[in-house]
Structures are given as C-alpha cells and as structure tokens.
N, C-alpha and C. Protein backbone atom coordinates (compact mmCIF):
# COMPACT_ATOMS: atom_id res chain seq x y z
N MET A 1 -82.91 20.61 57.33
CA MET A 1 -82.39 19.60 56.43
C MET A 1 -82.18 20.18 55.03
N LYS A 2 -83.07 21.06 54.60
CA LYS A 2 -82.95 21.66 53.28
C LYS A 2 -81.70 22.53 53.20
N LYS A 3 -81.38 23.22 54.27
CA LYS A 3 -80.19 24.06 54.29
C LYS A 3 -78.92 23.19 54.18
N PHE A 4 -78.94 22.04 54.84
CA PHE A 4 -77.80 21.12 54.78
C PHE A 4 -77.59 20.61 53.37
N THR A 5 -78.65 20.22 52.69
CA THR A 5 -78.51 19.72 51.32
C THR A 5 -78.06 20.83 50.36
N GLU A 6 -78.49 22.06 50.62
CA GLU A 6 -78.03 23.18 49.79
C GLU A 6 -76.53 23.40 49.96
N ILE A 7 -76.04 23.25 51.18
CA ILE A 7 -74.60 23.42 51.44
C ILE A 7 -73.81 22.31 50.75
N ILE A 8 -74.31 21.08 50.85
CA ILE A 8 -73.63 19.95 50.21
C ILE A 8 -73.64 20.12 48.69
N ASP A 9 -74.79 20.54 48.13
CA ASP A 9 -74.87 20.78 46.68
C ASP A 9 -73.88 21.85 46.25
N ARG A 10 -73.78 22.90 47.04
CA ARG A 10 -72.86 23.99 46.71
C ARG A 10 -71.41 23.50 46.74
N CYS A 11 -71.09 22.65 47.71
CA CYS A 11 -69.73 22.09 47.79
C CYS A 11 -69.42 21.24 46.56
N PHE A 12 -70.38 20.42 46.11
CA PHE A 12 -70.17 19.62 44.91
C PHE A 12 -70.03 20.50 43.68
N HIS A 13 -70.78 21.58 43.61
CA HIS A 13 -70.67 22.50 42.47
C HIS A 13 -69.27 23.12 42.42
N VAL A 14 -68.80 23.57 43.57
CA VAL A 14 -67.48 24.20 43.63
C VAL A 14 -66.39 23.18 43.31
N LEU A 15 -66.49 21.98 43.87
CA LEU A 15 -65.49 20.95 43.60
C LEU A 15 -65.46 20.58 42.12
N SER A 16 -66.61 20.49 41.50
CA SER A 16 -66.67 20.17 40.08
C SER A 16 -66.02 21.28 39.25
N ALA A 17 -66.30 22.52 39.58
CA ALA A 17 -65.71 23.64 38.85
C ALA A 17 -64.20 23.71 39.06
N VAL A 18 -63.75 23.45 40.27
CA VAL A 18 -62.31 23.46 40.55
C VAL A 18 -61.60 22.34 39.79
N CYS A 19 -62.20 21.16 39.77
CA CYS A 19 -61.60 20.04 39.03
C CYS A 19 -61.52 20.35 37.54
N PHE A 20 -62.55 20.96 37.00
CA PHE A 20 -62.52 21.33 35.58
C PHE A 20 -61.44 22.37 35.31
N GLY A 21 -61.31 23.33 36.21
CA GLY A 21 -60.24 24.32 36.06
C GLY A 21 -58.86 23.71 36.14
N LEU A 22 -58.69 22.73 37.03
CA LEU A 22 -57.41 22.05 37.14
C LEU A 22 -57.10 21.19 35.91
N VAL A 23 -58.13 20.60 35.32
CA VAL A 23 -57.93 19.86 34.07
C VAL A 23 -57.43 20.82 33.00
N SER A 24 -58.07 21.96 32.89
CA SER A 24 -57.66 22.95 31.88
C SER A 24 -56.23 23.42 32.12
N PHE A 25 -55.88 23.67 33.37
CA PHE A 25 -54.53 24.13 33.69
C PHE A 25 -53.49 23.06 33.38
N CYS A 26 -53.77 21.82 33.75
CA CYS A 26 -52.82 20.73 33.49
C CYS A 26 -52.61 20.51 32.00
N VAL A 27 -53.67 20.61 31.23
CA VAL A 27 -53.53 20.44 29.77
C VAL A 27 -52.72 21.59 29.20
N LEU A 28 -52.95 22.80 29.69
CA LEU A 28 -52.17 23.94 29.21
C LEU A 28 -50.69 23.76 29.53
N VAL A 29 -50.37 23.32 30.74
CA VAL A 29 -48.98 23.08 31.11
C VAL A 29 -48.39 21.95 30.26
N GLN A 30 -49.18 20.92 30.03
CA GLN A 30 -48.69 19.79 29.24
C GLN A 30 -48.36 20.20 27.81
N VAL A 31 -49.23 20.96 27.19
CA VAL A 31 -48.99 21.40 25.81
C VAL A 31 -47.81 22.37 25.76
N THR A 32 -47.72 23.26 26.74
CA THR A 32 -46.62 24.23 26.76
C THR A 32 -45.28 23.55 26.95
N THR A 33 -45.21 22.62 27.89
CA THR A 33 -43.92 21.97 28.15
C THR A 33 -43.54 20.97 27.06
N ARG A 34 -44.50 20.48 26.35
CA ARG A 34 -44.19 19.53 25.28
C ARG A 34 -43.39 20.21 24.17
N TYR A 35 -43.72 21.46 23.87
CA TYR A 35 -43.06 22.16 22.78
C TYR A 35 -41.97 23.11 23.23
N THR A 36 -41.64 23.09 24.52
CA THR A 36 -40.54 23.90 25.03
C THR A 36 -39.35 22.99 25.28
N PRO A 37 -38.25 23.22 24.59
CA PRO A 37 -37.09 22.33 24.77
C PRO A 37 -36.47 22.47 26.16
N GLY A 38 -36.12 21.34 26.73
CA GLY A 38 -35.44 21.33 28.02
C GLY A 38 -36.36 21.29 29.23
N ILE A 39 -37.67 21.43 29.02
CA ILE A 39 -38.62 21.39 30.13
C ILE A 39 -39.52 20.18 29.94
N SER A 40 -39.67 19.42 31.00
CA SER A 40 -40.53 18.24 30.94
C SER A 40 -41.43 18.23 32.17
N ALA A 41 -42.70 17.91 31.96
CA ALA A 41 -43.65 17.81 33.07
C ALA A 41 -44.46 16.53 32.90
N PRO A 42 -43.91 15.39 33.30
CA PRO A 42 -44.62 14.12 33.10
C PRO A 42 -45.82 13.95 34.03
N TRP A 43 -45.88 14.72 35.10
CA TRP A 43 -46.98 14.61 36.06
C TRP A 43 -48.29 15.14 35.51
N THR A 44 -48.24 15.95 34.46
CA THR A 44 -49.47 16.56 33.96
C THR A 44 -50.42 15.54 33.35
N ASP A 45 -49.88 14.49 32.76
CA ASP A 45 -50.71 13.46 32.14
C ASP A 45 -51.56 12.75 33.19
N GLU A 46 -50.93 12.36 34.28
CA GLU A 46 -51.66 11.64 35.33
C GLU A 46 -52.66 12.55 36.05
N LEU A 47 -52.26 13.77 36.34
CA LEU A 47 -53.17 14.69 37.02
C LEU A 47 -54.35 15.07 36.16
N THR A 48 -54.12 15.23 34.85
CA THR A 48 -55.22 15.53 33.95
C THR A 48 -56.25 14.40 33.97
N ARG A 49 -55.76 13.18 33.92
CA ARG A 49 -56.65 12.01 33.95
C ARG A 49 -57.41 11.94 35.27
N LEU A 50 -56.73 12.19 36.39
CA LEU A 50 -57.35 12.13 37.71
C LEU A 50 -58.43 13.20 37.87
N PHE A 51 -58.09 14.44 37.54
CA PHE A 51 -59.06 15.52 37.69
C PHE A 51 -60.23 15.38 36.72
N PHE A 52 -59.97 14.81 35.54
CA PHE A 52 -61.06 14.58 34.59
C PHE A 52 -62.04 13.54 35.15
N MET A 53 -61.52 12.50 35.79
CA MET A 53 -62.40 11.49 36.39
C MET A 53 -63.26 12.11 37.49
N TYR A 54 -62.65 12.97 38.33
CA TYR A 54 -63.43 13.63 39.37
C TYR A 54 -64.48 14.57 38.78
N THR A 55 -64.12 15.25 37.70
CA THR A 55 -65.09 16.14 37.05
C THR A 55 -66.27 15.34 36.50
N VAL A 56 -65.99 14.19 35.91
CA VAL A 56 -67.05 13.35 35.35
C VAL A 56 -67.94 12.79 36.47
N MET A 57 -67.35 12.47 37.62
CA MET A 57 -68.13 11.91 38.72
C MET A 57 -68.94 12.99 39.45
N LEU A 58 -68.39 14.19 39.58
CA LEU A 58 -69.08 15.25 40.31
C LEU A 58 -70.00 16.09 39.42
N GLY A 59 -69.73 16.12 38.13
CA GLY A 59 -70.50 16.96 37.20
C GLY A 59 -71.99 16.65 37.14
N PRO A 60 -72.39 15.39 37.06
CA PRO A 60 -73.83 15.10 36.96
C PRO A 60 -74.63 15.45 38.22
N LEU A 61 -73.96 15.66 39.33
CA LEU A 61 -74.68 16.05 40.54
C LEU A 61 -75.25 17.46 40.43
N TRP A 62 -74.64 18.28 39.61
CA TRP A 62 -75.08 19.66 39.47
C TRP A 62 -76.49 19.75 38.87
N PRO A 63 -76.75 19.22 37.67
CA PRO A 63 -78.12 19.33 37.14
C PRO A 63 -79.12 18.43 37.86
N SER A 64 -78.65 17.34 38.46
CA SER A 64 -79.62 16.47 39.14
C SER A 64 -80.13 17.11 40.42
N SER A 65 -79.36 17.99 41.03
CA SER A 65 -79.84 18.65 42.26
C SER A 65 -80.87 19.73 41.95
N THR A 66 -80.82 20.31 40.75
CA THR A 66 -81.79 21.34 40.40
C THR A 66 -83.01 20.79 39.70
N GLY A 67 -82.94 19.52 39.29
CA GLY A 67 -84.07 18.91 38.61
C GLY A 67 -84.04 19.10 37.11
N SER A 68 -83.05 19.81 36.58
CA SER A 68 -82.99 20.06 35.14
C SER A 68 -82.67 18.80 34.36
N MET A 69 -81.97 17.85 34.98
CA MET A 69 -81.66 16.61 34.27
C MET A 69 -82.93 15.79 34.06
N ARG A 70 -83.79 15.78 35.02
CA ARG A 70 -85.04 15.02 34.89
C ARG A 70 -85.92 15.63 33.80
N ARG A 71 -85.94 16.94 33.70
CA ARG A 71 -86.75 17.58 32.67
C ARG A 71 -86.20 17.33 31.28
N SER A 72 -84.89 17.31 31.15
CA SER A 72 -84.31 17.12 29.81
C SER A 72 -84.46 15.68 29.33
N ILE A 73 -84.46 14.72 30.25
CA ILE A 73 -84.61 13.32 29.86
C ILE A 73 -86.04 13.02 29.48
N LEU A 74 -86.97 13.56 30.24
CA LEU A 74 -88.38 13.29 29.95
C LEU A 74 -88.83 14.17 28.82
C-alpha cells in the first residue's frame, strides 16, 4: 500500500510541475503575440487560467504528502 501511495504522490508532483510549466509557456506566448503585429493567440488566456487552476488544486498535495505542511502550520 505504501508503494501505491508513493506512485500516486509522484504522479501528482509531476502533474503539478507540468501544469506550472504550461502556465509559464502560455503566458510567454501570450506576451509575445500581444506585441507582435499580425499574430494573435486568443487561446492562451483560457489555457493559462485552466492550467493555473490545476496547479493551485494539485500544488498543495505536494507538501501535504511529505508532512512539511503540517510542520509549518504548527
């Protein structure tokens, strides 16, 4: 059972990091296309918002699985 929870924790860690990377990429594309004439990327606004929500939902699972969140609160 401990091995299963470690695998699930690792998956959440990777998903959180990937979502954060995608947020950074979408913001970079959004800023670049905003100041480049003739190029428009309206999808970046929605994807940035979506990936940010996933990052916020998956992010707290990382410290709570290691117990560091409990130590910092107490």
